[in-house]
Amino acid sequence: MIIDGAALEFVKASKSHLEGNQCLHVAADGDNVHLVESDNKAVILSTTRVKFAAFLDGAKKGEFDFAG
């Protein structure tokens, strides 16, 4: 599947760096969610809203806290 990133409205978290290339941007389109990184917007990761919601639930519970 080819995704036209220009047709999507990506947003980033308010806690992301205002400048630089360390941000993750997210867009929704129908039943899908798309992710890009600031430093390489040509690569778009797409998943379903259901899978993304499950990921967010795990993140909120601290299941992906790898920093340390």
PDB file of N, CA and C in Angstrom:
ATOM      1  N   MET A   1       0.841  -1.175   0.000  1.00  0.00           N
ATOM      2  CA  MET A   1       0.000   0.000   0.000  1.00  0.00           C
ATOM      3  C   MET A   1       0.889   1.242   0.000  1.00  0.00           C
ATOM      4  N   ILE A   2       0.574   2.176  -0.841  1.00  0.00           N
ATOM      5  CA  ILE A   2       1.309   3.439  -0.901  1.00  0.00           C
ATOM      6  C   ILE A   2       0.479   4.511  -0.202  1.00  0.00           C
ATOM      7  N   ILE A   3       1.088   5.180   0.754  1.00  0.00           N
ATOM      8  CA  ILE A   3       0.426   6.235   1.522  1.00  0.00           C
ATOM      9  C   ILE A   3       0.960   7.581   1.045  1.00  0.00           C
ATOM     10  N   ASP A   4       0.053   8.510   0.753  1.00  0.00           N
ATOM     11  CA  ASP A   4       0.444   9.869   0.371  1.00  0.00           C
ATOM     12  C   ASP A   4       0.537  10.707   1.635  1.00  0.00           C
ATOM     13  N   GLY A   5       1.746  10.850   2.161  1.00  0.00           N
ATOM     14  CA  GLY A   5       1.944  11.604   3.392  1.00  0.00           C
ATOM     15  C   GLY A   5       1.513  13.054   3.295  1.00  0.00           C
ATOM     16  N   ALA A   6       1.561  13.628   2.106  1.00  0.00           N
ATOM     17  CA  ALA A   6       1.158  15.025   1.922  1.00  0.00           C
ATOM     18  C   ALA A   6      -0.342  15.198   2.127  1.00  0.00           C
ATOM     19  N   ALA A   7      -1.103  14.124   1.957  1.00  0.00           N
ATOM     20  CA  ALA A   7      -2.554  14.197   2.113  1.00  0.00           C
ATOM     21  C   ALA A   7      -2.989  14.010   3.565  1.00  0.00           C
ATOM     22  N   LEU A   8      -2.053  13.696   4.454  1.00  0.00           N
ATOM     23  CA  LEU A   8      -2.365  13.463   5.863  1.00  0.00           C
ATOM     24  C   LEU A   8      -2.002  14.679   6.703  1.00  0.00           C
ATOM     25  N   GLU A   9      -2.732  14.889   7.771  1.00  0.00           N
ATOM     26  CA  GLU A   9      -2.439  15.990   8.693  1.00  0.00           C
ATOM     27  C   GLU A   9      -1.775  15.409   9.939  1.00  0.00           C
ATOM     28  N   PHE A  10      -0.448  15.480   9.973  1.00  0.00           N
ATOM     29  CA  PHE A  10       0.306  14.924  11.088  1.00  0.00           C
ATOM     30  C   PHE A  10       0.368  15.924  12.238  1.00  0.00           C
ATOM     31  N   VAL A  11       0.335  15.401  13.464  1.00  0.00           N
ATOM     32  CA  VAL A  11       0.492  16.209  14.675  1.00  0.00           C
ATOM     33  C   VAL A  11       1.587  15.568  15.524  1.00  0.00           C
ATOM     34  N   LYS A  12       2.155  16.365  16.424  1.00  0.00           N
ATOM     35  CA  LYS A  12       3.161  15.831  17.341  1.00  0.00           C
ATOM     36  C   LYS A  12       2.815  16.251  18.755  1.00  0.00           C
ATOM     37  N   ALA A  13       3.366  15.550  19.709  1.00  0.00           N
ATOM     38  CA  ALA A  13       3.097  15.836  21.114  1.00  0.00           C
ATOM     39  C   ALA A  13       3.645  17.205  21.499  1.00  0.00           C
ATOM     40  N   SER A  14       2.952  17.872  22.392  1.00  0.00           N
ATOM     41  CA  SER A  14       3.397  19.191  22.843  1.00  0.00           C
ATOM     42  C   SER A  14       4.724  19.106  23.597  1.00  0.00           C
ATOM     43  N   LYS A  15       5.058  17.958  24.141  1.00  0.00           N
ATOM     44  CA  LYS A  15       6.320  17.785  24.867  1.00  0.00           C
ATOM     45  C   LYS A  15       7.488  17.517  23.928  1.00  0.00           C
ATOM     46  N   SER A  16       7.220  17.324  22.649  1.00  0.00           N
ATOM     47  CA  SER A  16       8.294  17.102  21.681  1.00  0.00           C
ATOM     48  C   SER A  16       9.137  18.359  21.560  1.00  0.00           C
ATOM     49  N   HIS A  17      10.385  18.174  21.173  1.00  0.00           N
ATOM     50  CA  HIS A  17      11.265  19.325  20.970  1.00  0.00           C
ATOM     51  C   HIS A  17      10.687  20.214  19.874  1.00  0.00           C
ATOM     52  N   LEU A  18      10.656  21.511  20.118  1.00  0.00           N
ATOM     53  CA  LEU A  18      10.109  22.441  19.134  1.00  0.00           C
ATOM     54  C   LEU A  18      10.962  22.484  17.877  1.00  0.00           C
ATOM     55  N   GLU A  19      12.252  22.313  18.033  1.00  0.00           N
ATOM     56  CA  GLU A  19      13.157  22.301  16.888  1.00  0.00           C
ATOM     57  C   GLU A  19      13.969  21.016  16.946  1.00  0.00           C
ATOM     58  N   GLY A  20      14.496  20.618  15.851  1.00  0.00           N
ATOM     59  CA  GLY A  20      15.295  19.402  15.826  1.00  0.00           C
ATOM     60  C   GLY A  20      14.538  18.255  15.184  1.00  0.00           C
ATOM     61  N   ASN A  21      15.179  17.119  15.174  1.00  0.00           N
ATOM     62  CA  ASN A  21      14.613  15.962  14.498  1.00  0.00           C
ATOM     63  C   ASN A  21      14.388  14.812  15.466  1.00  0.00           C
ATOM     64  N   GLN A  22      13.760  15.089  16.599  1.00  0.00           N
ATOM     65  CA  GLN A  22      13.546  14.062  17.606  1.00  0.00           C
ATOM     66  C   GLN A  22      12.065  13.881  17.916  1.00  0.00           C
ATOM     67  N   CYS A  23      11.215  14.119  16.946  1.00  0.00           N
ATOM     68  CA  CYS A  23       9.773  14.067  17.179  1.00  0.00           C
ATOM     69  C   CYS A  23       9.126  12.932  16.398  1.00  0.00           C
ATOM     70  N   LEU A  24       8.073  12.397  16.973  1.00  0.00           N
ATOM     71  CA  LEU A  24       7.242  11.411  16.308  1.00  0.00           C
ATOM     72  C   LEU A  24       5.924  12.100  15.973  1.00  0.00           C
ATOM     73  N   HIS A  25       5.503  12.019  14.723  1.00  0.00           N
ATOM     74  CA  HIS A  25       4.277  12.659  14.257  1.00  0.00           C
ATOM     75  C   HIS A  25       3.239  11.579  13.959  1.00  0.00           C
ATOM     76  N   VAL A  26       1.974  11.860  14.272  1.00  0.00           N
ATOM     77  CA  VAL A  26       0.892  10.886  14.109  1.00  0.00           C
ATOM     78  C   VAL A  26      -0.235  11.507  13.295  1.00  0.00           C
ATOM     79  N   ALA A  27      -0.831  10.700  12.413  1.00  0.00           N
ATOM     80  CA  ALA A  27      -2.004  11.124  11.637  1.00  0.00           C
ATOM     81  C   ALA A  27      -2.994   9.969  11.598  1.00  0.00           C
ATOM     82  N   ALA A  28      -4.267  10.300  11.500  1.00  0.00           N
ATOM     83  CA  ALA A  28      -5.312   9.278  11.383  1.00  0.00           C
ATOM     84  C   ALA A  28      -6.024   9.455  10.054  1.00  0.00           C
ATOM     85  N   ASP A  29      -6.410   8.329   9.468  1.00  0.00           N
ATOM     86  CA  ASP A  29      -7.074   8.327   8.168  1.00  0.00           C
ATOM     87  C   ASP A  29      -8.003   7.115   8.135  1.00  0.00           C
ATOM     88  N   GLY A  30      -9.291   7.342   8.300  1.00  0.00           N
ATOM     89  CA  GLY A  30     -10.226   6.217   8.317  1.00  0.00           C
ATOM     90  C   GLY A  30      -9.934   5.289   9.481  1.00  0.00           C
ATOM     91  N   ASP A  31      -9.720   4.014   9.193  1.00  0.00           N
ATOM     92  CA  ASP A  31      -9.442   3.023  10.231  1.00  0.00           C
ATOM     93  C   ASP A  31      -7.958   2.877  10.528  1.00  0.00           C
ATOM     94  N   ASN A  32      -7.127   3.737   9.960  1.00  0.00           N
ATOM     95  CA  ASN A  32      -5.678   3.600  10.100  1.00  0.00           C
ATOM     96  C   ASN A  32      -5.048   4.778  10.820  1.00  0.00           C
ATOM     97  N   VAL A  33      -3.900   4.493  11.427  1.00  0.00           N
ATOM     98  CA  VAL A  33      -3.068   5.500  12.075  1.00  0.00           C
ATOM     99  C   VAL A  33      -1.698   5.419  11.411  1.00  0.00           C
ATOM    100  N   HIS A  34      -1.099   6.575  11.152  1.00  0.00           N
ATOM    101  CA  HIS A  34       0.188   6.632  10.458  1.00  0.00           C
ATOM    102  C   HIS A  34       1.186   7.394  11.322  1.00  0.00           C
ATOM    103  N   LEU A  35       2.425   6.925  11.343  1.00  0.00           N
ATOM    104  CA  LEU A  35       3.483   7.534  12.139  1.00  0.00           C
ATOM    105  C   LEU A  35       4.670   7.875  11.246  1.00  0.00           C
ATOM    106  N   VAL A  36       5.271   9.024  11.488  1.00  0.00           N
ATOM    107  CA  VAL A  36       6.525   9.404  10.832  1.00  0.00           C
ATOM    108  C   VAL A  36       7.443  10.026  11.874  1.00  0.00           C
ATOM    109  N   GLU A  37       8.735   9.972  11.604  1.00  0.00           N
ATOM    110  CA  GLU A  37       9.715  10.641  12.448  1.00  0.00           C
ATOM    111  C   GLU A  37      10.138  11.940  11.773  1.00  0.00           C
ATOM    112  N   SER A  38      10.463  12.937  12.570  1.00  0.00           N
ATOM    113  CA  SER A  38      10.843  14.248  12.034  1.00  0.00           C
ATOM    114  C   SER A  38      11.999  14.171  11.053  1.00  0.00           C
ATOM    115  N   ASP A  39      12.953  13.297  11.334  1.00  0.00           N
ATOM    116  CA  ASP A  39      14.155  13.253  10.504  1.00  0.00           C
ATOM    117  C   ASP A  39      14.015  12.397   9.252  1.00  0.00           C
ATOM    118  N   ASN A  40      12.869  11.730   9.063  1.00  0.00           N
ATOM    119  CA  ASN A  40      12.669  10.936   7.851  1.00  0.00           C
ATOM    120  C   ASN A  40      11.176  10.789   7.569  1.00  0.00           C
ATOM    121  N   LYS A  41      10.560  11.852   7.106  1.00  0.00           N
ATOM    122  CA  LYS A  41       9.116  11.832   6.864  1.00  0.00           C
ATOM    123  C   LYS A  41       8.726  11.031   5.629  1.00  0.00           C
ATOM    124  N   ALA A  42       9.707  10.555   4.876  1.00  0.00           N
ATOM    125  CA  ALA A  42       9.407   9.740   3.695  1.00  0.00           C
ATOM    126  C   ALA A  42       8.989   8.327   4.082  1.00  0.00           C
ATOM    127  N   VAL A  43       9.384   7.893   5.288  1.00  0.00           N
ATOM    128  CA  VAL A  43       9.030   6.557   5.767  1.00  0.00           C
ATOM    129  C   VAL A  43       7.811   6.678   6.672  1.00  0.00           C
ATOM    130  N   ILE A  44       6.717   6.057   6.266  1.00  0.00           N
ATOM    131  CA  ILE A  44       5.463   6.126   7.015  1.00  0.00           C
ATOM    132  C   ILE A  44       5.124   4.735   7.523  1.00  0.00           C
ATOM    133  N   LEU A  45       4.961   4.605   8.838  1.00  0.00           N
ATOM    134  CA  LEU A  45       4.521   3.360   9.452  1.00  0.00           C
ATOM    135  C   LEU A  45       3.016   3.447   9.632  1.00  0.00           C
ATOM    136  N   SER A  46       2.289   2.476   9.111  1.00  0.00           N
ATOM    137  CA  SER A  46       0.829   2.479   9.199  1.00  0.00           C
ATOM    138  C   SER A  46       0.352   1.272   9.988  1.00  0.00           C
ATOM    139  N   THR A  47      -0.683   1.474  10.788  1.00  0.00           N
ATOM    140  CA  THR A  47      -1.301   0.401  11.546  1.00  0.00           C
ATOM    141  C   THR A  47      -2.785   0.718  11.698  1.00  0.00           C
ATOM    142  N   THR A  48      -3.521  -0.184  12.299  1.00  0.00           N
ATOM    143  CA  THR A  48      -4.950   0.069  12.501  1.00  0.00           C
ATOM    144  C   THR A  48      -5.155   0.872  13.777  1.00  0.00           C
ATOM    145  N   ARG A  49      -6.300   1.525  13.870  1.00  0.00           N
ATOM    146  CA  ARG A  49      -6.634   2.263  15.095  1.00  0.00           C
ATOM    147  C   ARG A  49      -6.694   1.325  16.296  1.00  0.00           C
ATOM    148  N   VAL A  50      -7.183   0.100  16.083  1.00  0.00           N
ATOM    149  CA  VAL A  50      -7.297  -0.875  17.172  1.00  0.00           C
ATOM    150  C   VAL A  50      -5.915  -1.237  17.710  1.00  0.00           C
ATOM    151  N   LYS A  51      -4.978  -1.523  16.826  1.00  0.00           N
ATOM    152  CA  LYS A  51      -3.620  -1.867  17.256  1.00  0.00           C
ATOM    153  C   LYS A  51      -2.937  -0.679  17.917  1.00  0.00           C
ATOM    154  N   PHE A  52      -3.144   0.517  17.377  1.00  0.00           N
ATOM    155  CA  PHE A  52      -2.536   1.713  17.959  1.00  0.00           C
ATOM    156  C   PHE A  52      -3.111   1.980  19.350  1.00  0.00           C
ATOM    157  N   ALA A  53      -4.413   1.780  19.516  1.00  0.00           N
ATOM    158  CA  ALA A  53      -5.047   1.964  20.826  1.00  0.00           C
ATOM    159  C   ALA A  53      -4.473   0.975  21.843  1.00  0.00           C
ATOM    160  N   ALA A  54      -4.238  -0.262  21.425  1.00  0.00           N
ATOM    161  CA  ALA A  54      -3.642  -1.255  22.322  1.00  0.00           C
ATOM    162  C   ALA A  54      -2.225  -0.841  22.709  1.00  0.00           C
ATOM    163  N   PHE A  55      -1.464  -0.317  21.749  1.00  0.00           N
ATOM    164  CA  PHE A  55      -0.117   0.169  22.038  1.00  0.00           C
ATOM    165  C   PHE A  55      -0.163   1.326  23.040  1.00  0.00           C
ATOM    166  N   LEU A  56      -1.049   2.297  22.805  1.00  0.00           N
ATOM    167  CA  LEU A  56      -1.160   3.444  23.714  1.00  0.00           C
ATOM    168  C   LEU A  56      -1.546   3.004  25.118  1.00  0.00           C
ATOM    169  N   ASP A  57      -2.429   2.029  25.219  1.00  0.00           N
ATOM    170  CA  ASP A  57      -2.830   1.512  26.526  1.00  0.00           C
ATOM    171  C   ASP A  57      -1.613   0.946  27.257  1.00  0.00           C
ATOM    172  N   GLY A  58      -0.801   0.166  26.551  1.00  0.00           N
ATOM    173  CA  GLY A  58       0.411  -0.377  27.156  1.00  0.00           C
ATOM    174  C   GLY A  58       1.392   0.713  27.546  1.00  0.00           C
ATOM    175  N   ALA A  59       1.517   1.735  26.706  1.00  0.00           N
ATOM    176  CA  ALA A  59       2.424   2.849  27.009  1.00  0.00           C
ATOM    177  C   ALA A  59       1.970   3.597  28.260  1.00  0.00           C
ATOM    178  N   LYS A  60       0.674   3.825  28.378  1.00  0.00           N
ATOM    179  CA  LYS A  60       0.140   4.516  29.560  1.00  0.00           C
ATOM    180  C   LYS A  60       0.370   3.712  30.834  1.00  0.00           C
ATOM    181  N   LYS A  61       0.427   2.392  30.704  1.00  0.00           N
ATOM    182  CA  LYS A  61       0.657   1.513  31.858  1.00  0.00           C
ATOM    183  C   LYS A  61       2.142   1.329  32.154  1.00  0.00           C
ATOM    184  N   GLY A  62       3.008   1.958  31.359  1.00  0.00           N
ATOM    185  CA  GLY A  62       4.443   1.883  31.591  1.00  0.00           C
ATOM    186  C   GLY A  62       5.116   0.651  31.015  1.00  0.00           C
ATOM    187  N   GLU A  63       4.435  -0.079  30.146  1.00  0.00           N
ATOM    188  CA  GLU A  63       4.986  -1.312  29.595  1.00  0.00           C
ATOM    189  C   GLU A  63       6.166  -1.081  28.654  1.00  0.00           C
ATOM    190  N   PHE A  64       6.369   0.148  28.196  1.00  0.00           N
ATOM    191  CA  PHE A  64       7.447   0.440  27.254  1.00  0.00           C
ATOM    192  C   PHE A  64       8.429   1.460  27.811  1.00  0.00           C
ATOM    193  N   ASP A  65       8.543   1.535  29.118  1.00  0.00           N
ATOM    194  CA  ASP A  65       9.468   2.474  29.747  1.00  0.00           C
ATOM    195  C   ASP A  65      10.876   1.882  29.732  1.00  0.00           C
ATOM    196  N   PHE A  66      11.601   2.098  28.639  1.00  0.00           N
ATOM    197  CA  PHE A  66      12.929   1.525  28.466  1.00  0.00           C
ATOM    198  C   PHE A  66      14.038   2.450  28.957  1.00  0.00           C
ATOM    199  N   ALA A  67      13.729   3.716  29.183  1.00  0.00           N
ATOM    200  CA  ALA A  67      14.755   4.672  29.612  1.00  0.00           C
ATOM    201  C   ALA A  67      15.218   4.313  31.018  1.00  0.00           C
ATOM    202  N   GLY A  68      16.479   4.534  31.257  1.00  0.00           N
ATOM    203  CA  GLY A  68      16.896   4.270  32.617  1.00  0.00           C
ATOM    204  C   GLY A  68      18.321   4.177  32.854  1.00  0.00           C
TER     205      GLY A  68
END
